């Protein structure tokens, strides 16, 4: 076995670090390199929507995001894209610190779904999308925008009216 002197070991170690930095710089994109940052948004309903039905269809939109199912730690092919899946927050005032809980008001779409039908009682509701990683983490994105999450939609408000035939 070849013995390495202290100088050779230090040079070898520095080369490994530089190589790792070079590889990481090619994987992770900075916002300056990309025309648009990834985003999620609610296509429908619009803010202020009033429903006469308890069933409200919500369509999810995304830009520069590869929607992938939960449990698959996939990195987006395009370095200017994020990777993850949708979560819908209903009447949630405080955003999750990191992991998106499996509690009331947090709807997980780990299969990669891009729409849902909510069955809501009469009342007023806030809706907001948040992108989660393959382990439902909103800040540790499995994407090329490490540390730049969470990716959130604007919060919208909808109203579900009491149906006249139920009075």
Foldseek 3Di string as FASTA:
>chain_A
DDDDDPVRVVVVVVVVVVVVVVVLPVQADDPVVDPDAKAKAWPDDAFAAEAQALKGKIFIDIDLEDEAAAPDLDEDPDNRHFYFAKKKAKQDDDDDPWAQDPDPRIGDDRHRDGMDIGRHDFDKIKIKMWGADSRRTQQCTSYNHHRPDTHMYDIGMYGYHHHPVVD
